[in-house]
Amino acid sequence: MDVAAVAKSVMGNYNNINGKPNENYDTNNPIGWALPTGPYKMSTSGNCRFNQIFSGGIAINPPFDGTVQTGPSGFGGILRDERGRWVRGFIGFIGDSDGLTVEFHGIHCGLLLLDKLGLKGSVLESGYLAATKWITDKSYHPTTKVMINCWDIVVNCRRLVDKNEIIVRCCPSNKCADKFANMAVEKREPFMEIMDVPNEIKEIVDYESSIMWRN
C-alpha cells in the first residue's frame, strides 16, 4: 500500500460531497470555530461486502479469524466537536478487499485528517476490536499475509497516534460512520472529504448529538 499517496490524498483534498472544490474552505481556520475545551471525536467504519450469506443477509465486517473473505470495500468517518456537532466527514473506496484491511484504511484516514486539522488529544473510535488492538499494542507484529500487506499503514497509524496524543478505542459501531462506509461502496471514490452534512445522515447526526453529548 502506498501510504504516502494516501496521505497526500487526505491532506490535500478539500472537496465537498459532490466532488467539487469547496470555495469556502479556510486553510487558516479549517474548523470554523474556536477549539473546544474537550476532545474532538472521530468515528470510523469499514464496509466489506462479500458473497457469503450470514444470518439471512450479507455479512459486513466479519471478525478476522485468518480466513480472508473479500469484496467491494469502502470506509467512512465522521468528526465531531466536544458537543457532538458536525465538523467533517470522509469516505473512500479501495476496491475488492477484506474487512480488516478496509477498517485500517478508515482509521488511517481519520488519523490523517486529525493531523491535518491539528486536533491533538482527540479520540478515535472504531467498532473493529482487532484493528484498534493492532494500532494500540506495539507488541503486535505481522505474520499473516493480510497484516504484512497492511503493515505500512499500521506503522503510520501508530506514528500519528503518538504524534497527536490520540486516544484509540473500540466502541459499538457508529451509525453515521457506517452510513458513510455504505456510501463509499456505492460512490466508489478513492477518497472524498465531506464538508457539509449530507441530507442522508442529518437526522442521525442531530439525534446522536442530542443523546450522546448533552451538557
Protein backbone atom coordinates (compact mmCIF):
# COMPACT_ATOMS: atom_id res chain seq x y z
CA MET A 1 0.00 0.00 0.00
CA ASP A 2 1.32 3.45 -0.89
CA VAL A 3 0.97 5.23 2.45
CA ALA A 4 2.45 8.46 1.06
CA ALA A 5 -0.15 8.58 -1.71
CA VAL A 6 -2.97 8.03 0.78
CA ALA A 7 -1.62 10.81 3.00
CA LYS A 8 -1.32 13.19 0.05
CA SER A 9 -4.90 12.45 -0.95
CA VAL A 10 -6.25 13.16 2.53
CA MET A 11 -4.05 16.13 3.38
CA GLY A 12 -4.69 17.89 0.09
CA ASN A 13 -8.36 17.16 -0.51
CA TYR A 14 -10.94 19.84 0.23
CA ASN A 15 -13.78 18.55 -1.93
CA ASN A 16 -17.42 18.52 -0.91
CA ILE A 17 -19.80 15.57 -1.20
CA ASN A 18 -20.27 16.21 -4.92
CA GLY A 19 -16.54 16.05 -5.54
CA LYS A 20 -16.31 19.79 -6.29
CA PRO A 21 -13.80 22.10 -4.60
CA ASN A 22 -15.20 23.82 -1.54
CA GLU A 23 -14.72 27.54 -2.19
CA ASN A 24 -15.41 28.41 1.45
CA TYR A 25 -12.58 26.28 2.85
CA ASP A 26 -10.31 28.44 5.01
CA THR A 27 -6.88 26.86 5.41
CA ASN A 28 -6.12 29.25 8.27
CA ASN A 29 -9.22 28.21 10.21
CA PRO A 30 -10.33 24.82 8.83
CA ILE A 31 -12.69 24.11 11.74
CA GLY A 32 -14.69 27.31 11.54
CA TRP A 33 -14.89 27.99 15.29
CA ALA A 34 -12.65 28.11 18.34
CA LEU A 35 -11.07 24.93 19.68
CA PRO A 36 -13.26 23.31 22.34
CA THR A 37 -12.40 22.63 25.97
CA GLY A 38 -12.99 18.89 25.45
CA PRO A 39 -11.59 16.48 22.85
CA TYR A 40 -12.85 16.11 19.32
CA LYS A 41 -14.19 12.66 18.48
CA MET A 42 -13.54 10.79 15.23
CA SER A 43 -15.65 7.70 14.50
CA THR A 44 -14.61 5.42 11.62
CA SER A 45 -16.12 2.40 9.89
CA GLY A 46 -15.24 -0.07 7.17
CA ASN A 47 -17.64 -1.96 4.92
CA CYS A 48 -16.56 -5.16 3.15
CA ARG A 49 -19.31 -6.76 1.07
CA PHE A 50 -18.68 -10.33 0.05
CA ASN A 51 -20.86 -13.13 -1.21
CA GLN A 52 -21.20 -15.13 1.99
CA ILE A 53 -24.70 -15.46 3.41
CA PHE A 54 -24.71 -14.84 7.16
CA SER A 55 -27.82 -14.69 9.36
CA GLY A 56 -30.03 -14.23 6.33
CA GLY A 57 -28.06 -11.40 4.75
CA ILE A 58 -24.70 -10.18 3.57
CA ALA A 59 -22.06 -10.32 6.30
CA ILE A 60 -20.39 -6.96 6.75
CA ASN A 61 -17.13 -6.56 8.70
CA PRO A 62 -16.82 -10.21 9.84
CA PRO A 63 -14.48 -10.98 12.76
CA PHE A 64 -10.95 -11.59 11.44
CA ASP A 65 -10.08 -15.24 12.00
CA GLY A 66 -7.37 -15.79 9.42
CA THR A 67 -9.84 -16.76 6.68
CA VAL A 68 -9.92 -13.88 4.24
CA GLN A 69 -13.23 -13.05 2.60
CA THR A 70 -13.06 -10.24 0.07
CA GLY A 71 -15.49 -7.99 -1.72
CA PRO A 72 -16.10 -4.33 -2.68
CA SER A 73 -14.79 -2.36 0.30
CA GLY A 74 -15.32 1.22 1.43
CA PHE A 75 -14.68 3.19 4.58
CA GLY A 76 -16.02 6.33 6.17
CA GLY A 77 -15.62 8.57 9.15
CA ILE A 78 -17.26 11.45 10.98
CA LEU A 79 -15.53 14.09 13.08
CA ARG A 80 -17.46 15.91 15.82
CA ASP A 81 -16.57 18.52 18.41
CA GLU A 82 -16.93 18.09 22.16
CA ARG A 83 -20.68 18.78 21.95
CA GLY A 84 -21.29 16.33 19.14
CA ARG A 85 -21.57 18.99 16.43
CA TRP A 86 -20.58 18.09 12.90
CA VAL A 87 -17.08 19.15 11.87
CA ARG A 88 -16.11 16.98 8.91
CA GLY A 89 -16.70 13.63 7.24
CA PHE A 90 -14.96 11.47 4.68
CA ILE A 91 -15.47 8.40 2.53
CA GLY A 92 -13.13 6.24 0.48
CA PHE A 93 -13.20 3.11 -1.69
CA ILE A 94 -10.31 0.64 -2.03
CA GLY A 95 -11.79 -1.93 -4.42
CA ASP A 96 -12.01 -5.62 -3.50
CA SER A 97 -10.54 -6.19 -0.07
CA ASP A 98 -11.22 -7.74 3.33
CA GLY A 99 -12.89 -6.33 6.44
CA LEU A 100 -9.75 -5.75 8.50
CA THR A 101 -7.85 -4.04 5.69
CA VAL A 102 -10.66 -1.59 4.91
CA GLU A 103 -11.01 -0.82 8.63
CA PHE A 104 -7.32 0.10 8.77
CA HIS A 105 -7.83 2.44 5.82
CA GLY A 106 -10.69 4.17 7.60
CA ILE A 107 -8.72 4.60 10.82
CA HIS A 108 -5.66 5.79 8.89
CA CYS A 109 -7.60 8.46 7.00
CA GLY A 110 -9.27 9.54 10.25
CA LEU A 111 -5.87 9.98 11.90
CA LEU A 112 -4.53 11.86 8.87
CA LEU A 113 -7.49 14.23 9.00
CA LEU A 114 -6.99 14.87 12.73
CA ASP A 115 -3.32 15.55 11.98
CA LYS A 116 -4.17 17.96 9.16
CA LEU A 117 -6.53 19.91 11.40
CA GLY A 118 -4.08 19.93 14.31
CA LEU A 119 -6.53 18.30 16.71
CA LYS A 120 -4.22 16.88 19.36
CA GLY A 121 -5.69 14.86 22.20
CA SER A 122 -8.71 13.75 20.17
CA VAL A 123 -10.49 10.41 20.49
CA LEU A 124 -10.75 7.97 17.57
CA GLU A 125 -13.31 5.18 17.81
CA SER A 126 -13.68 2.09 15.66
CA GLY A 127 -16.09 -0.79 16.00
CA TYR A 128 -13.44 -3.32 14.95
CA LEU A 129 -11.55 -4.57 18.02
CA ALA A 130 -8.76 -6.31 16.08
CA ALA A 131 -7.94 -3.11 14.19
CA THR A 132 -7.71 -1.00 17.34
CA LYS A 133 -5.58 -3.65 19.05
CA TRP A 134 -3.06 -3.70 16.20
CA ILE A 135 -2.69 0.07 16.41
CA THR A 136 -2.50 0.45 20.18
CA ASP A 137 -0.45 -2.63 21.11
CA LYS A 138 3.06 -2.24 19.73
CA SER A 139 3.98 -5.79 20.70
CA TYR A 140 1.93 -6.99 17.72
CA HIS A 141 3.96 -7.81 14.61
CA PRO A 142 2.68 -9.09 11.25
CA THR A 143 2.69 -12.80 10.50
CA THR A 144 -0.24 -13.20 8.09
CA LYS A 145 -0.46 -12.00 4.51
CA VAL A 146 -3.23 -9.54 5.38
CA MET A 147 -1.16 -7.92 8.13
CA ILE A 148 2.03 -7.88 6.07
CA ASN A 149 0.14 -6.03 3.35
CA CYS A 150 -1.31 -3.58 5.90
CA TRP A 151 1.86 -3.11 7.90
CA ASP A 152 2.93 0.27 6.43
CA ILE A 153 -0.49 1.72 7.26
CA VAL A 154 -0.45 0.27 10.79
CA VAL A 155 3.02 1.74 11.42
CA ASN A 156 1.91 5.16 10.19
CA CYS A 157 -1.25 4.95 12.32
CA ARG A 158 0.91 4.29 15.38
CA ARG A 159 3.12 7.26 14.48
CA LEU A 160 0.13 9.60 14.10
CA VAL A 161 -1.38 8.38 17.39
CA ASP A 162 1.86 9.15 19.23
CA LYS A 163 2.43 12.47 17.45
CA ASN A 164 -1.01 13.85 18.22
CA GLU A 165 -1.68 12.04 21.51
CA ILE A 166 -4.80 10.39 20.08
CA ILE A 167 -6.85 8.00 22.22
CA VAL A 168 -7.84 5.00 20.08
CA ARG A 169 -10.58 2.75 21.42
CA CYS A 170 -13.08 0.16 20.29
CA CYS A 171 -16.72 1.17 20.69
CA PRO A 172 -20.03 -0.04 19.25
CA SER A 173 -20.34 0.90 15.59
CA ASN A 174 -21.36 4.47 14.85
CA LYS A 175 -24.43 4.79 12.61
CA CYS A 176 -23.09 7.86 10.79
CA ALA A 177 -19.71 6.26 10.09
CA ASP A 178 -21.46 3.07 8.96
CA LYS A 179 -23.66 5.11 6.61
CA PHE A 180 -20.59 6.78 5.13
CA ALA A 181 -18.92 3.39 4.62
CA ASN A 182 -22.00 2.25 2.70
CA MET A 183 -21.94 5.45 0.64
CA ALA A 184 -18.27 4.81 -0.14
CA VAL A 185 -19.05 1.44 -1.70
CA GLU A 186 -21.87 2.99 -3.73
CA LYS A 187 -19.90 6.04 -4.95
CA ARG A 188 -16.56 4.25 -5.41
CA GLU A 189 -14.49 7.40 -4.99
CA PRO A 190 -10.90 6.71 -3.84
CA PHE A 191 -11.20 9.47 -1.23
CA MET A 192 -13.61 12.33 -0.64
CA GLU A 193 -13.63 14.79 2.22
CA ILE A 194 -17.16 15.92 3.10
CA MET A 195 -17.50 19.48 4.34
CA ASP A 196 -21.27 19.73 4.89
CA VAL A 197 -23.66 17.24 6.50
CA PRO A 198 -25.28 15.15 3.74
CA ASN A 199 -29.07 15.07 3.88
CA GLU A 200 -28.95 11.26 4.16
CA ILE A 201 -27.46 11.38 7.64
CA LYS A 202 -28.50 14.79 9.01
CA GLU A 203 -31.24 13.27 11.16
CA ILE A 204 -28.83 10.68 12.59
CA VAL A 205 -26.18 13.34 13.31
CA ASP A 206 -28.69 15.54 15.14
CA TYR A 207 -30.11 12.61 17.10
CA GLU A 208 -26.75 11.22 18.19
CA SER A 209 -25.62 14.70 19.19
CA SER A 210 -28.70 15.21 21.35
CA ILE A 211 -28.37 11.94 23.27
CA MET A 212 -24.62 11.38 23.44
CA TRP A 213 -23.12 14.80 24.08
CA ARG A 214 -25.54 16.52 26.45
CA ASN A 215 -24.13 19.19 28.72
